[in-house]
Protein backbone atom coordinates (compact mmCIF):
# COMPACT_ATOMS: atom_id res chain seq x y z
CA SER A 1 52.39 -61.79 26.81
CA ARG A 2 53.29 -64.96 24.94
CA ARG A 3 54.61 -66.65 28.09
CA ARG A 4 51.39 -65.91 30.00
CA SER A 5 49.39 -67.20 27.05
CA ASP A 6 51.47 -70.40 26.99
CA GLN A 7 50.96 -70.88 30.72
CA LEU A 8 47.20 -70.43 30.36
CA ARG A 9 47.05 -72.86 27.44
CA HIS A 10 49.07 -75.37 29.48
CA ARG A 11 46.66 -75.11 32.44
CA MET A 12 43.66 -75.41 30.14
CA LEU A 13 45.17 -78.47 28.49
CA LEU A 14 45.67 -80.20 31.81
CA HIS A 15 42.00 -79.56 32.59
CA GLU A 16 40.92 -80.59 29.08
CA LEU A 17 42.81 -83.89 29.22
CA ARG A 18 40.55 -84.70 32.19
CA HIS A 19 43.57 -86.23 33.82
CA VAL A 20 46.65 -88.18 33.06
CA GLU A 21 46.72 -90.96 35.59
CA ALA A 22 50.12 -91.41 37.13
CA ASN A 23 50.42 -94.67 39.01
CA GLN A 24 53.40 -95.16 41.28
CA SER A 25 52.23 -98.05 43.38
CA PHE A 26 49.20 -100.34 43.37
CA PHE A 27 45.72 -99.57 42.12
CA ARG A 28 42.99 -101.27 44.06
CA ALA A 29 39.53 -101.78 42.63
CA GLU A 30 38.20 -98.38 43.68
CA HIS A 31 40.95 -96.67 41.68
CA GLU A 32 40.60 -98.80 38.58
CA LEU A 33 37.62 -96.88 37.23
CA GLY A 34 39.42 -93.55 37.14
CA GLN A 35 42.54 -95.20 35.85
CA ARG A 36 40.80 -96.51 32.77
CA ALA A 37 38.47 -93.55 32.20
CA CYS A 38 41.29 -91.06 31.66
CA ASP A 39 42.92 -90.11 28.38
CA PHE A 40 46.43 -91.36 29.13
CA ARG A 41 47.84 -93.73 31.68
CA PHE A 42 51.48 -93.65 32.81
CA ALA A 43 52.95 -95.93 35.44
CA SER A 44 56.21 -96.18 37.31
CA LYS A 45 58.11 -99.45 37.09
CA LEU A 46 56.95 -100.15 40.66
CA ALA A 47 53.24 -100.05 39.78
CA LYS A 48 51.01 -103.11 40.01
CA PHE A 49 47.54 -103.50 38.50
CA GLY A 50 44.72 -105.83 39.33
CA GLN A 51 40.99 -106.48 39.52
CA PRO A 52 40.57 -108.35 42.81
CA GLU A 53 36.75 -108.44 42.90
CA MET A 54 36.58 -112.15 41.99
CA ASN A 55 38.27 -112.87 45.33
CA LEU A 56 35.17 -111.35 46.94
CA GLY A 57 32.65 -113.18 44.80
CA LEU A 58 32.00 -110.02 42.78
CA ILE A 59 32.70 -108.63 39.36
CA PRO A 60 34.27 -105.21 38.77
CA GLY A 61 31.61 -102.52 38.70
CA TYR A 62 31.17 -98.99 37.43
CA ALA A 63 31.68 -100.12 33.79
CA ALA A 64 35.16 -101.48 34.57
CA THR A 65 34.43 -104.73 32.69
CA GLN A 66 33.51 -102.73 29.60
CA ARG A 67 36.40 -100.29 29.77
CA LEU A 68 38.99 -102.97 30.44
CA SER A 69 37.86 -105.15 27.53
CA ARG A 70 37.90 -102.15 25.18
CA LEU A 71 41.38 -101.11 26.31
CA THR A 72 43.12 -104.47 26.47
CA GLY A 73 41.02 -106.79 24.32
CA LEU A 74 38.67 -109.57 25.32
CA GLY A 75 41.29 -112.18 26.27
CA ASN A 76 43.31 -109.85 28.50
CA ALA A 77 40.19 -108.50 30.23
CA LEU A 78 38.90 -112.00 30.89
CA TYR A 79 42.29 -113.08 32.22
CA LEU A 80 42.64 -110.13 34.61
CA ILE A 81 39.08 -110.26 35.86
CA LEU A 82 38.58 -114.04 36.15
CA THR A 83 41.97 -114.78 37.75
CA ALA A 84 42.09 -111.65 39.95
CA ASP A 85 45.84 -111.69 39.24
CA THR A 86 48.03 -108.65 39.78
CA ILE A 87 50.27 -107.65 36.88
CA SER A 88 53.39 -105.51 36.63
CA ALA A 89 53.66 -102.13 34.93
CA ASP A 90 55.54 -103.76 32.03
CA ASP A 91 52.72 -106.26 31.53
CA ALA A 92 50.20 -103.41 31.72
CA LEU A 93 52.14 -101.65 28.95
CA ARG A 94 52.27 -104.82 26.86
CA ILE A 95 48.48 -105.27 26.95
CA GLY A 96 47.65 -101.59 26.39
CA LEU A 97 46.50 -100.74 29.90
CA VAL A 98 49.12 -97.97 30.15
CA GLN A 99 50.89 -95.97 27.46
CA LYS A 100 54.23 -95.52 29.18
CA VAL A 101 56.29 -96.97 32.02
CA THR A 102 58.97 -94.83 33.67
CA GLU A 103 61.35 -94.83 36.59
CA PRO A 104 59.43 -93.71 39.71
CA GLU A 105 61.38 -90.46 40.06
CA LEU A 106 60.67 -89.52 36.41
CA LEU A 107 56.94 -90.25 36.40
CA MET A 108 55.55 -86.75 36.88
CA GLU A 109 58.24 -85.26 34.63
CA GLU A 110 57.11 -87.58 31.83
CA VAL A 111 53.45 -86.75 32.45
CA MET A 112 54.19 -83.02 32.24
CA LYS A 113 56.32 -83.54 29.12
CA LEU A 114 53.32 -85.15 27.42
CA ALA A 115 51.02 -82.34 28.55
CA ARG A 116 53.42 -79.71 27.16
CA ARG A 117 53.73 -81.60 23.89
CA ILE A 118 49.97 -81.74 23.41
CA ALA A 119 49.60 -78.11 24.53
CA GLY A 120 51.93 -77.19 21.65
CA ASN A 121 49.31 -78.42 19.18
CA GLY A 122 46.22 -76.50 18.13
CA SER A 123 43.84 -76.69 21.08
CA GLN A 124 40.74 -76.77 18.88
CA ALA A 125 42.11 -79.68 16.86
CA VAL A 126 43.01 -81.53 20.08
CA ALA A 127 39.47 -81.08 21.41
CA VAL A 128 37.89 -82.17 18.11
CA ALA A 129 40.16 -85.23 17.83
CA LYS A 130 39.20 -86.32 21.34
CA LYS A 131 35.50 -85.82 20.60
CA VAL A 132 35.63 -87.74 17.31
CA ILE A 133 37.63 -90.62 18.79
CA ARG A 134 35.40 -90.97 21.86
CA ARG A 135 32.11 -90.65 20.00
CA GLY A 136 33.35 -92.85 17.19
CA MET A 137 34.02 -95.69 19.60
CA THR A 138 30.26 -96.03 20.15
CA MET A 139 29.26 -95.75 16.47
CA GLU A 140 29.28 -97.99 13.45
CA PHE A 141 32.46 -97.50 11.40
CA GLY A 142 30.72 -95.69 8.52
CA GLU A 143 28.91 -93.32 10.87
CA ALA A 144 32.12 -92.61 12.77
CA SER A 145 33.99 -91.95 9.51
CA ALA A 146 31.28 -89.49 8.47
CA LEU A 147 31.62 -87.70 11.83
CA GLU A 148 35.38 -87.49 11.35
CA SER A 149 35.00 -86.12 7.82
CA SER A 150 32.52 -83.49 8.99
CA GLU A 151 34.68 -82.34 11.91
CA PHE A 152 37.82 -82.38 9.75
CA SER A 153 36.26 -80.04 7.21
CA LYS A 154 34.99 -77.66 9.91
CA LEU A 155 38.54 -77.10 11.15
CA PHE A 156 39.69 -75.66 7.81
CA GLY A 157 37.83 -72.39 8.36
CA LEU A 158 39.41 -71.71 11.74
CA PRO A 159 42.22 -69.17 12.21
CA ALA A 160 44.26 -71.70 14.21
CA THR A 161 44.20 -74.18 11.32
CA LYS A 162 45.27 -71.50 8.87
CA GLU A 163 48.14 -70.55 11.19
CA GLY A 164 49.16 -74.19 11.58
CA MET A 165 49.28 -74.76 7.83
CA LYS A 166 51.09 -71.47 7.21
CA ALA A 167 53.67 -72.30 9.88
CA PHE A 168 54.20 -75.73 8.32
CA LEU A 169 54.85 -74.24 4.90
CA GLU A 170 57.18 -71.63 6.41
CA LYS A 171 58.99 -74.36 8.43
CA ARG A 172 58.34 -72.70 11.79
CA LYS A 173 56.33 -73.43 14.92
CA PRO A 174 52.75 -72.14 14.89
CA GLU A 175 51.85 -69.19 17.05
CA TRP A 176 48.53 -70.27 18.42
């Protein structure tokens, strides 16, 4: 049935997203890696973020220095790592460390709303977009653009793409 199919697609999406990190309190160093390696990061207004390793005479490990600088920019990464300061959820949003800040009681509702929204898109296109974006981050711009062009053209032959375009022209939601 359509409802069962929607439920299955929703579960598969949650798995495919790897995880949406929902932060309600404070992330210590051991949680920072997962927090920055996920696709989306939401935080409650109560959340605090920090890289306290400098207080121990260490640097963040497990590629945290590289992920943080790519997410927030060089200046913000240097500031957070070298000062070992803790920042608020609003500051984390401002520097790009999280995508959304919510009231604590609405956090998981907002996470699930995002998952449902993405699940409503063509799952093959979602997977290809994630692949192209992630791989492209490690390539020269021209090479990444060529990858995007190649993957874009491959999608045109798929039944889901045809349904998506047909639904658009007919001003209705696609039936994936």
